[in-house]
Amino acid sequence: MNGQVQEVPFAQNYKSIIGFDFAKDNHRAVAVDSAGAVVLRWDVPHTCEGWSQLRGKLVELVGPDLGAAAVTIETSHGAAVERLLEMGLHVYPIAPKAAERYRDRKAPSGVKDDDRDAWSMADALRTDGHGWKRLHPDDPLTQELRLLCRDEVHLIEKRTALINELEQALYEYYPAALQAFDDWTSPHAWSFVERFPTPQELTRKGKRQWEKFLHTRKLCRPETYQRRLEIFAKALEFCGSSAVTKAKGRLAVALARQLRLLENQLQEYRVAIAALFAEHPDNGLFGSLPGAGPKIAPRLLSELGDDTNRFEDAQALQCYAGTAPVTKQSGKSRFVKVRHACNRYLRSAVHLWTNCSRKKCVWAEAYYQKKREQGLSHACALRCLGQRWLKILHKMHQTGAPYDEALHMRNQVRHGSWVVALIP
């Protein structure tokens, strides 16, 4: 022993360890003790009564302090996780693929059921929990900001789907509209479909109405104005049949109106996000990131959270954001691929941010161009740039200091970074 203090095994820190297999309507909880013996099996309906009964069972098992119990679940967010945290349990998320591997270890035959899933996760936490990361809840402001930002992304995805449907409908009966407008995320294009829903209606209303529409919406740039008028004049030369035009014209108008309504909702979301971001104490930190702007900075803040100890080092953050590659090596074989097991919301935000940072930072553009010269694709070059940015962001998150371009350049010179030589 030599006077050394032995570390207490993970399982000895808790009176009970629980595997929680969550579902939509009914969950399954299996609890084991420090020796691995099953002490509780319980079905948890996703109702007020179901969760109250689970609390009562756990109080009987470990006492009134539910912090004496650890629970593992295959997600780090959602209604089930929120309720487990509210109960005071120590929550340890597990990746779905890791949970599958632990289940295979318990059942090599491939047999599967909810009870076995919950039990295998509980036993995995009991034996390997010393290396797992406990989930700490964020403050309500950060949590609300994260949910709003994620919902905004979902609404943008729905808008993209509606735009694709609209373009497909126009392709079938109204090619002139597609030729006249390149950006169908613009409300002006939707207004055109509402004002002139078919080629016949466009021709009937005539040139004066076309010009009035373009002037009213300030679409009179010399490089596009005359071209659009020429396209409008030839709208009937190539269009769909009468039946297709009547049917798809109605669909196009319906889609344009949905897009307009959805865009109004998105604007309201952005106002709410901006208000929450302004209230957050870390808004100056993330707002200083070059290229992040009012849309991307709140997403980065909400996904990183306010816990400065959440990531042990920059590499942990890079893996979480999906910029760090996955390397598989065996003998002389070595294979590197893109990391897919990550936070997809953060990965998307980092991708957008690094691309925008090229316009704000000379070194970022120089680094990106060097990677492109080395034969990397646009997306791969941005991931490499994201690696460097996340290393900077991790340091900023730890110290609480905003980004300082001059300080960063001095540090690169002092450390002899090869990027400095690329800057004109």
Protein backbone atom coordinates (compact mmCIF):
# COMPACT_ATOMS: atom_id res chain seq x y z
CA MET A 1 0.00 0.00 0.00
CA ASN A 2 2.93 2.35 0.91
CA GLY A 3 0.55 5.01 2.18
CA GLN A 4 -1.12 5.45 -1.20
CA VAL A 5 -4.85 6.15 -1.24
CA GLN A 6 -6.74 3.63 -3.34
CA GLU A 7 -9.37 5.02 -5.66
CA VAL A 8 -12.90 3.89 -4.83
CA PRO A 9 -14.40 1.83 -7.68
CA PHE A 10 -17.10 3.67 -9.60
CA ALA A 11 -19.87 1.27 -8.57
CA GLN A 12 -19.06 1.78 -4.88
CA ASN A 13 -20.01 5.47 -5.19
CA TYR A 14 -23.66 4.61 -5.78
CA LYS A 15 -26.22 2.51 -3.97
CA SER A 16 -27.81 1.55 -7.27
CA ILE A 17 -27.01 1.78 -10.97
CA ILE A 18 -29.86 1.97 -13.47
CA GLY A 19 -30.14 1.25 -17.17
CA PHE A 20 -32.96 3.24 -18.74
CA ASP A 21 -34.28 2.11 -22.15
CA PHE A 22 -36.46 5.00 -23.27
CA ALA A 23 -39.30 4.90 -25.81
CA LYS A 24 -42.21 7.08 -26.83
CA ASP A 25 -44.92 5.78 -24.53
CA ASN A 26 -43.33 3.21 -22.19
CA HIS A 27 -39.79 3.10 -20.82
CA ARG A 28 -37.97 0.22 -19.17
CA ALA A 29 -35.74 0.63 -16.10
CA VAL A 30 -33.45 -2.05 -14.68
CA ALA A 31 -31.35 -1.39 -11.56
CA VAL A 32 -28.35 -3.37 -10.37
CA ASP A 33 -26.23 -3.16 -7.23
CA SER A 34 -22.46 -2.80 -7.05
CA ALA A 35 -22.04 -6.56 -7.50
CA GLY A 36 -24.17 -6.64 -10.66
CA ALA A 37 -27.25 -8.30 -9.15
CA VAL A 38 -30.59 -7.03 -10.50
CA VAL A 39 -32.53 -5.30 -7.70
CA LEU A 40 -35.32 -3.66 -9.70
CA ARG A 41 -37.17 -4.11 -12.97
CA TRP A 42 -39.86 -1.56 -13.73
CA ASP A 43 -41.98 -0.41 -16.67
CA VAL A 44 -42.33 3.37 -16.72
CA PRO A 45 -45.32 4.74 -18.66
CA HIS A 46 -44.56 8.22 -19.98
CA THR A 47 -47.23 9.79 -17.81
CA CYS A 48 -47.29 11.76 -14.59
CA GLU A 49 -48.32 8.64 -12.67
CA GLY A 50 -45.62 6.52 -14.32
CA TRP A 51 -42.79 8.88 -13.38
CA SER A 52 -44.18 9.36 -9.87
CA GLN A 53 -44.22 5.60 -9.34
CA LEU A 54 -40.61 5.36 -10.57
CA ARG A 55 -39.57 8.04 -8.08
CA GLY A 56 -41.29 6.13 -5.29
CA LYS A 57 -39.54 2.89 -6.23
CA LEU A 58 -36.14 4.59 -6.31
CA VAL A 59 -36.73 6.26 -2.94
CA GLU A 60 -37.46 2.83 -1.49
CA LEU A 61 -34.29 1.51 -3.13
CA VAL A 62 -31.68 4.19 -2.33
CA GLY A 63 -33.37 6.61 0.06
CA PRO A 64 -34.67 10.18 -0.35
CA ASP A 65 -31.41 11.41 -1.91
CA LEU A 66 -31.66 10.11 -5.48
CA GLY A 67 -28.15 11.39 -6.13
CA ALA A 68 -27.12 8.04 -4.65
CA ALA A 69 -28.25 6.41 -7.91
CA ALA A 70 -26.60 6.63 -11.35
CA VAL A 71 -28.55 6.10 -14.55
CA THR A 72 -27.45 5.59 -18.15
CA ILE A 73 -29.56 6.33 -21.22
CA GLU A 74 -28.95 6.33 -24.99
CA THR A 75 -29.34 10.09 -25.45
CA SER A 76 -28.17 13.33 -23.89
CA HIS A 77 -31.35 15.35 -24.43
CA GLY A 78 -35.10 14.97 -24.60
CA ALA A 79 -38.05 14.64 -22.24
CA ALA A 80 -36.79 11.46 -20.54
CA VAL A 81 -33.37 12.98 -19.79
CA GLU A 82 -34.95 16.16 -18.41
CA ARG A 83 -37.12 14.19 -16.01
CA LEU A 84 -34.23 12.02 -14.84
CA LEU A 85 -32.19 15.15 -14.11
CA GLU A 86 -35.12 16.80 -12.34
CA MET A 87 -35.36 13.76 -10.06
CA GLY A 88 -31.77 14.38 -8.96
CA LEU A 89 -30.29 11.25 -10.52
CA HIS A 90 -26.72 11.29 -11.85
CA VAL A 91 -27.13 10.79 -15.60
CA TYR A 92 -24.42 9.22 -17.78
CA PRO A 93 -25.35 9.23 -21.50
CA ILE A 94 -24.15 6.39 -23.71
CA ALA A 95 -23.80 6.46 -27.50
CA PRO A 96 -26.32 4.16 -29.28
CA LYS A 97 -23.52 2.26 -31.03
CA ALA A 98 -21.71 1.70 -27.73
CA ALA A 99 -24.96 0.49 -26.15
CA GLU A 100 -25.37 -1.94 -29.04
CA ARG A 101 -21.85 -3.31 -28.50
CA TYR A 102 -22.50 -3.84 -24.78
CA ARG A 103 -25.75 -5.65 -25.63
CA ASP A 104 -23.90 -7.89 -28.10
CA ARG A 105 -21.45 -8.74 -25.34
CA LYS A 106 -24.33 -9.91 -23.15
CA ALA A 107 -26.21 -11.63 -25.97
CA PRO A 108 -23.88 -12.84 -28.77
CA SER A 109 -26.84 -14.60 -30.42
CA GLY A 110 -28.36 -11.22 -31.28
CA VAL A 111 -31.51 -11.63 -29.16
CA LYS A 112 -32.97 -8.25 -28.22
CA ASP A 113 -35.68 -6.88 -25.93
CA ASP A 114 -36.16 -3.76 -23.80
CA ASP A 115 -35.34 -5.48 -20.53
CA ARG A 116 -32.08 -6.90 -21.87
CA ASP A 117 -31.13 -3.51 -23.33
CA ALA A 118 -31.68 -1.73 -20.00
CA TRP A 119 -29.82 -4.44 -18.05
CA SER A 120 -26.80 -4.45 -20.39
CA MET A 121 -26.51 -0.66 -20.15
CA ALA A 122 -26.76 -0.75 -16.35
CA ASP A 123 -24.04 -3.39 -16.12
CA ALA A 124 -21.89 -1.43 -18.58
CA LEU A 125 -22.10 1.67 -16.39
CA ARG A 126 -21.30 -0.45 -13.34
CA THR A 127 -18.10 -1.87 -14.83
CA ASP A 128 -16.89 0.98 -17.07
CA GLY A 129 -18.52 4.06 -15.57
CA HIS A 130 -15.21 5.41 -14.27
CA GLY A 131 -14.42 6.53 -17.84
CA TRP A 132 -17.85 7.99 -18.65
CA LYS A 133 -18.78 11.67 -18.60
CA ARG A 134 -21.61 12.71 -16.34
CA LEU A 135 -24.28 14.95 -17.84
CA HIS A 136 -24.73 18.29 -16.09
CA PRO A 137 -27.84 20.33 -16.91
CA ASP A 138 -27.32 23.76 -18.47
CA ASP A 139 -28.91 26.85 -17.04
CA PRO A 140 -32.47 27.55 -18.32
CA LEU A 141 -31.31 30.45 -20.51
CA THR A 142 -28.79 28.30 -22.40
CA GLN A 143 -31.25 25.42 -22.65
CA GLU A 144 -33.98 27.63 -24.12
CA LEU A 145 -31.52 29.19 -26.55
CA ARG A 146 -30.38 25.74 -27.71
CA LEU A 147 -33.95 24.56 -28.29
CA LEU A 148 -34.84 27.71 -30.20
CA CYS A 149 -31.73 27.44 -32.39
CA ARG A 150 -32.38 23.78 -33.16
CA ASP A 151 -36.03 24.47 -33.95
CA GLU A 152 -34.92 27.30 -36.23
CA VAL A 153 -32.71 24.82 -38.11
CA HIS A 154 -35.67 22.44 -38.46
CA LEU A 155 -37.83 25.25 -39.86
CA ILE A 156 -35.09 26.13 -42.35
CA GLU A 157 -34.98 22.49 -43.44
CA LYS A 158 -38.76 22.58 -43.95
CA ARG A 159 -38.40 25.77 -45.98
CA THR A 160 -35.79 24.06 -48.16
CA ALA A 161 -38.15 21.13 -48.72
CA LEU A 162 -40.98 23.50 -49.74
CA ILE A 163 -38.66 25.37 -52.11
CA ASN A 164 -37.65 22.08 -53.74
CA GLU A 165 -41.33 21.19 -54.21
CA LEU A 166 -42.05 24.63 -55.68
CA GLU A 167 -39.16 24.40 -58.13
CA GLN A 168 -40.28 20.93 -59.22
CA ALA A 169 -43.83 22.17 -59.82
CA LEU A 170 -42.56 25.15 -61.86
CA TYR A 171 -40.30 22.85 -63.85
CA GLU A 172 -43.37 20.89 -64.99
CA TYR A 173 -45.46 23.81 -66.22
CA TYR A 174 -43.65 27.19 -65.87
CA PRO A 175 -39.94 27.06 -66.93
CA ALA A 176 -39.91 30.82 -67.53
CA ALA A 177 -40.31 31.48 -63.80
CA LEU A 178 -37.31 29.30 -63.00
CA GLN A 179 -35.22 31.13 -65.60
CA ALA A 180 -36.24 34.57 -64.33
CA PHE A 181 -35.34 33.98 -60.67
CA ASP A 182 -32.21 32.26 -59.44
CA ASP A 183 -32.78 32.56 -55.68
CA TRP A 184 -35.99 30.88 -54.58
CA THR A 185 -35.32 31.59 -50.93
CA SER A 186 -36.22 35.20 -51.75
CA PRO A 187 -39.79 36.37 -51.02
CA HIS A 188 -39.72 38.26 -54.34
CA ALA A 189 -39.77 34.96 -56.22
CA TRP A 190 -42.74 33.76 -54.17
CA SER A 191 -44.54 37.05 -54.85
CA PHE A 192 -44.03 36.52 -58.56
CA VAL A 193 -45.74 33.12 -58.40
CA GLU A 194 -48.63 34.62 -56.42
CA ARG A 195 -48.97 37.58 -58.82
CA PHE A 196 -48.48 35.61 -62.05
CA PRO A 197 -49.34 31.97 -61.19
CA THR A 198 -49.31 30.68 -64.80
CA PRO A 199 -47.62 31.61 -68.10
CA GLN A 200 -51.05 32.49 -69.50
CA GLU A 201 -51.73 34.89 -66.63
CA LEU A 202 -48.29 36.44 -67.06
CA THR A 203 -48.90 37.06 -70.77
CA ARG A 204 -52.44 38.36 -70.21
CA LYS A 205 -51.36 41.04 -67.73
CA GLY A 206 -48.76 42.42 -70.10
CA LYS A 207 -45.50 44.32 -70.00
CA ARG A 208 -46.72 47.25 -67.89
CA GLN A 209 -47.67 44.88 -65.06
CA TRP A 210 -44.28 43.13 -65.36
CA GLU A 211 -42.41 46.41 -65.10
CA LYS A 212 -44.57 47.56 -62.18
CA PHE A 213 -43.84 44.30 -60.33
CA LEU A 214 -40.08 44.61 -60.85
CA HIS A 215 -39.96 48.32 -59.93
CA THR A 216 -42.11 47.87 -56.80
CA ARG A 217 -39.79 45.18 -55.47
CA LYS A 218 -36.60 46.98 -56.53
CA LEU A 219 -35.62 44.30 -59.04
CA CYS A 220 -34.37 46.76 -61.63
CA ARG A 221 -30.67 46.04 -61.73
CA PRO A 222 -29.38 46.56 -65.30
CA GLU A 223 -27.83 43.08 -65.50
CA THR A 224 -31.16 41.32 -64.78
CA TYR A 225 -34.00 43.72 -65.62
CA GLN A 226 -33.99 43.44 -69.40
CA ARG A 227 -33.25 39.72 -69.32
CA ARG A 228 -36.31 39.09 -67.17
CA LEU A 229 -38.56 41.08 -69.48
CA GLU A 230 -37.35 39.01 -72.43
CA ILE A 231 -38.05 35.78 -70.54
CA PHE A 232 -41.54 36.97 -69.62
CA ALA A 233 -42.29 37.79 -73.25
CA LYS A 234 -41.47 34.20 -74.29
CA ALA A 235 -43.21 32.46 -71.38
CA LEU A 236 -45.81 30.76 -73.62
CA GLU A 237 -43.27 29.32 -76.04
CA PHE A 238 -42.36 26.48 -73.69
CA CYS A 239 -44.77 25.51 -70.93
CA GLY A 240 -46.95 22.66 -69.68
CA SER A 241 -50.26 21.45 -71.08
CA SER A 242 -53.53 23.03 -70.00
CA ALA A 243 -54.32 20.31 -67.45
CA VAL A 244 -50.83 20.34 -65.95
CA THR A 245 -50.81 24.15 -65.82
CA LYS A 246 -54.13 24.36 -63.96
CA ALA A 247 -53.18 21.69 -61.42
CA LYS A 248 -49.56 22.67 -60.81
CA GLY A 249 -50.38 26.38 -60.86
CA ARG A 250 -52.67 25.86 -57.89
CA LEU A 251 -49.96 23.86 -56.11
CA ALA A 252 -47.32 26.51 -56.79
CA VAL A 253 -49.47 29.25 -55.26
CA ALA A 254 -50.19 27.09 -52.21
CA LEU A 255 -46.47 26.41 -51.73
CA ALA A 256 -45.60 30.09 -52.14
CA ARG A 257 -48.11 31.05 -49.45
CA GLN A 258 -46.74 28.37 -47.11
CA LEU A 259 -43.23 29.70 -47.68
CA ARG A 260 -44.32 33.22 -46.87
CA LEU A 261 -45.96 32.09 -43.62
CA LEU A 262 -42.93 29.99 -42.70
CA GLU A 263 -40.58 32.91 -43.40
CA ASN A 264 -42.61 35.11 -41.03
CA GLN A 265 -42.26 32.46 -38.31
CA LEU A 266 -38.52 32.24 -38.94
CA GLN A 267 -38.20 35.99 -38.49
CA GLU A 268 -40.01 35.76 -35.15
CA TYR A 269 -37.68 32.95 -34.08
CA ARG A 270 -34.65 35.07 -34.97
CA VAL A 271 -35.94 37.98 -32.92
CA ALA A 272 -36.43 35.68 -29.93
CA ILE A 273 -32.98 34.12 -30.39
CA ALA A 274 -31.34 37.53 -30.62
CA ALA A 275 -33.06 38.63 -27.40
CA LEU A 276 -31.92 35.53 -25.50
CA PHE A 277 -28.40 35.79 -26.90
CA ALA A 278 -28.18 39.41 -25.74
CA GLU A 279 -29.15 38.32 -22.21
CA HIS A 280 -26.57 35.54 -22.03
CA PRO A 281 -23.37 36.42 -20.14
CA ASP A 282 -21.23 34.76 -22.85
CA ASN A 283 -22.69 36.76 -25.75
CA GLY A 284 -19.58 38.96 -25.98
CA LEU A 285 -17.34 35.90 -26.14
CA PHE A 286 -19.16 34.19 -29.00
CA GLY A 287 -20.15 37.44 -30.65
CA SER A 288 -16.45 38.27 -31.12
CA LEU A 289 -15.89 35.23 -33.35
CA PRO A 290 -15.13 36.47 -36.89
CA GLY A 291 -17.83 35.44 -39.33
CA ALA A 292 -20.18 34.01 -36.70
CA GLY A 293 -22.61 36.92 -36.87
CA PRO A 294 -26.06 37.12 -35.25
CA LYS A 295 -27.25 33.76 -36.67
CA ILE A 296 -24.31 31.42 -36.09
CA ALA A 297 -22.94 32.78 -32.79
CA PRO A 298 -26.08 31.83 -30.78
CA ARG A 299 -25.93 28.30 -32.24
CA LEU A 300 -22.30 27.88 -31.22
CA LEU A 301 -22.97 29.20 -27.73
CA SER A 302 -26.02 27.01 -27.16
CA GLU A 303 -24.33 23.80 -28.32
CA LEU A 304 -21.16 24.34 -26.27
CA GLY A 305 -23.15 25.30 -23.18
CA ASP A 306 -21.98 27.22 -20.16
CA ASP A 307 -19.99 24.43 -18.47
CA THR A 308 -16.32 25.27 -19.04
CA ASN A 309 -15.29 21.81 -17.78
CA ARG A 310 -17.46 19.94 -20.25
CA PHE A 311 -14.55 19.28 -22.62
CA GLU A 312 -11.25 18.12 -21.15
CA ASP A 313 -9.22 19.52 -24.04
CA ALA A 314 -9.58 20.95 -27.53
CA GLN A 315 -9.53 17.48 -29.08
CA ALA A 316 -12.63 16.48 -27.11
CA LEU A 317 -14.44 19.51 -28.52
CA GLN A 318 -13.20 18.75 -32.03
CA CYS A 319 -14.51 15.18 -31.79
CA TYR A 320 -17.84 16.42 -30.42
CA ALA A 321 -18.15 18.88 -33.34
CA GLY A 322 -17.20 16.26 -35.94
CA THR A 323 -14.15 18.03 -37.37
CA ALA A 324 -11.66 15.46 -36.02
CA PRO A 325 -11.28 12.53 -38.45
CA VAL A 326 -11.66 8.86 -37.50
CA THR A 327 -8.53 6.76 -38.07
CA LYS A 328 -8.64 2.98 -38.41
CA GLN A 329 -5.26 1.26 -38.36
CA SER A 330 -4.26 -2.39 -38.28
CA GLY A 331 -0.78 -3.54 -39.22
CA LYS A 332 0.22 -1.78 -42.42
CA SER A 333 -3.35 -0.77 -43.20
CA ARG A 334 -4.42 2.75 -42.28
CA PHE A 335 -7.74 4.36 -43.20
CA VAL A 336 -9.01 7.85 -42.34
CA LYS A 337 -12.64 8.87 -42.73
CA VAL A 338 -15.07 11.60 -41.73
CA ARG A 339 -16.45 11.45 -38.19
CA HIS A 340 -20.22 10.91 -38.17
CA ALA A 341 -20.71 10.20 -34.45
CA CYS A 342 -20.93 13.81 -33.31
CA ASN A 343 -23.31 16.65 -32.55
CA ARG A 344 -24.75 17.35 -35.99
CA TYR A 345 -26.11 20.77 -34.98
CA LEU A 346 -22.68 21.90 -33.83
CA ARG A 347 -21.01 20.38 -36.88
CA SER A 348 -23.33 22.32 -39.19
CA ALA A 349 -22.78 25.56 -37.24
CA VAL A 350 -18.99 25.14 -37.33
CA HIS A 351 -19.10 24.44 -41.09
CA LEU A 352 -21.04 27.67 -41.72
CA TRP A 353 -18.89 29.66 -39.32
CA THR A 354 -15.54 28.56 -40.75
CA ASN A 355 -16.69 29.35 -44.27
CA CYS A 356 -17.81 32.85 -43.23
CA SER A 357 -14.59 33.42 -41.26
CA ARG A 358 -12.60 33.33 -44.50
CA LYS A 359 -13.99 36.74 -45.40
CA LYS A 360 -13.08 38.21 -42.00
CA CYS A 361 -9.65 36.68 -41.26
CA VAL A 362 -6.70 36.79 -43.63
CA TRP A 363 -5.05 33.81 -41.98
CA ALA A 364 -8.24 31.72 -42.26
CA GLU A 365 -8.50 32.36 -46.01
CA ALA A 366 -4.79 31.64 -46.48
CA TYR A 367 -5.09 28.38 -44.54
CA TYR A 368 -8.15 27.33 -46.55
CA GLN A 369 -6.49 28.07 -49.89
CA LYS A 370 -3.41 26.08 -48.87
CA LYS A 371 -5.57 23.05 -48.12
CA ARG A 372 -7.31 23.42 -51.47
CA GLU A 373 -3.93 23.54 -53.22
CA GLN A 374 -3.07 20.28 -51.47
CA GLY A 375 -6.01 18.65 -53.26
CA LEU A 376 -8.62 18.70 -50.51
CA SER A 377 -12.28 19.29 -51.32
CA HIS A 378 -14.12 22.40 -50.15
CA ALA A 379 -15.82 20.53 -47.28
CA CYS A 380 -12.59 18.82 -46.19
CA ALA A 381 -10.66 22.09 -46.25
CA LEU A 382 -13.35 23.69 -44.07
CA ARG A 383 -13.12 20.80 -41.59
CA CYS A 384 -9.37 21.36 -41.34
CA LEU A 385 -9.94 25.06 -40.78
CA GLY A 386 -12.62 24.17 -38.25
CA GLN A 387 -10.04 22.14 -36.33
CA ARG A 388 -7.92 25.26 -35.84
CA TRP A 389 -10.90 27.46 -34.99
CA LEU A 390 -12.21 25.00 -32.40
CA LYS A 391 -8.82 24.92 -30.71
CA ILE A 392 -9.02 28.71 -30.41
CA LEU A 393 -12.66 28.56 -29.28
CA HIS A 394 -11.87 25.99 -26.59
CA LYS A 395 -9.19 28.29 -25.15
CA MET A 396 -11.59 31.24 -25.28
CA HIS A 397 -14.27 29.19 -23.53
CA GLN A 398 -11.83 28.23 -20.77
CA THR A 399 -10.50 31.74 -20.16
CA GLY A 400 -13.64 33.74 -20.93
CA ALA A 401 -11.63 36.13 -23.13
CA PRO A 402 -13.12 37.27 -26.49
CA TYR A 403 -11.29 36.72 -29.74
CA ASP A 404 -8.39 39.08 -30.38
CA GLU A 405 -7.00 38.95 -33.93
CA ALA A 406 -3.79 40.78 -33.03
CA LEU A 407 -3.12 38.47 -30.08
CA HIS A 408 -3.73 35.40 -32.21
CA MET A 409 -1.31 36.61 -34.89
CA ARG A 410 1.37 37.33 -32.26
CA ASN A 411 0.94 33.81 -30.87
CA GLN A 412 1.29 32.30 -34.35
CA VAL A 413 4.50 34.25 -34.94
CA ARG A 414 5.88 33.30 -31.54
CA HIS A 415 5.17 29.59 -32.08
CA GLY A 416 6.50 29.67 -35.63
CA SER A 417 3.22 28.66 -37.28
CA TRP A 418 3.53 27.81 -40.97
CA VAL A 419 0.29 29.71 -41.61
CA VAL A 420 2.07 33.03 -41.03
CA ALA A 421 4.24 32.44 -44.11
CA LEU A 422 1.07 32.15 -46.23
CA ILE A 423 -0.32 35.55 -45.32
CA PRO A 424 0.41 38.20 -47.98
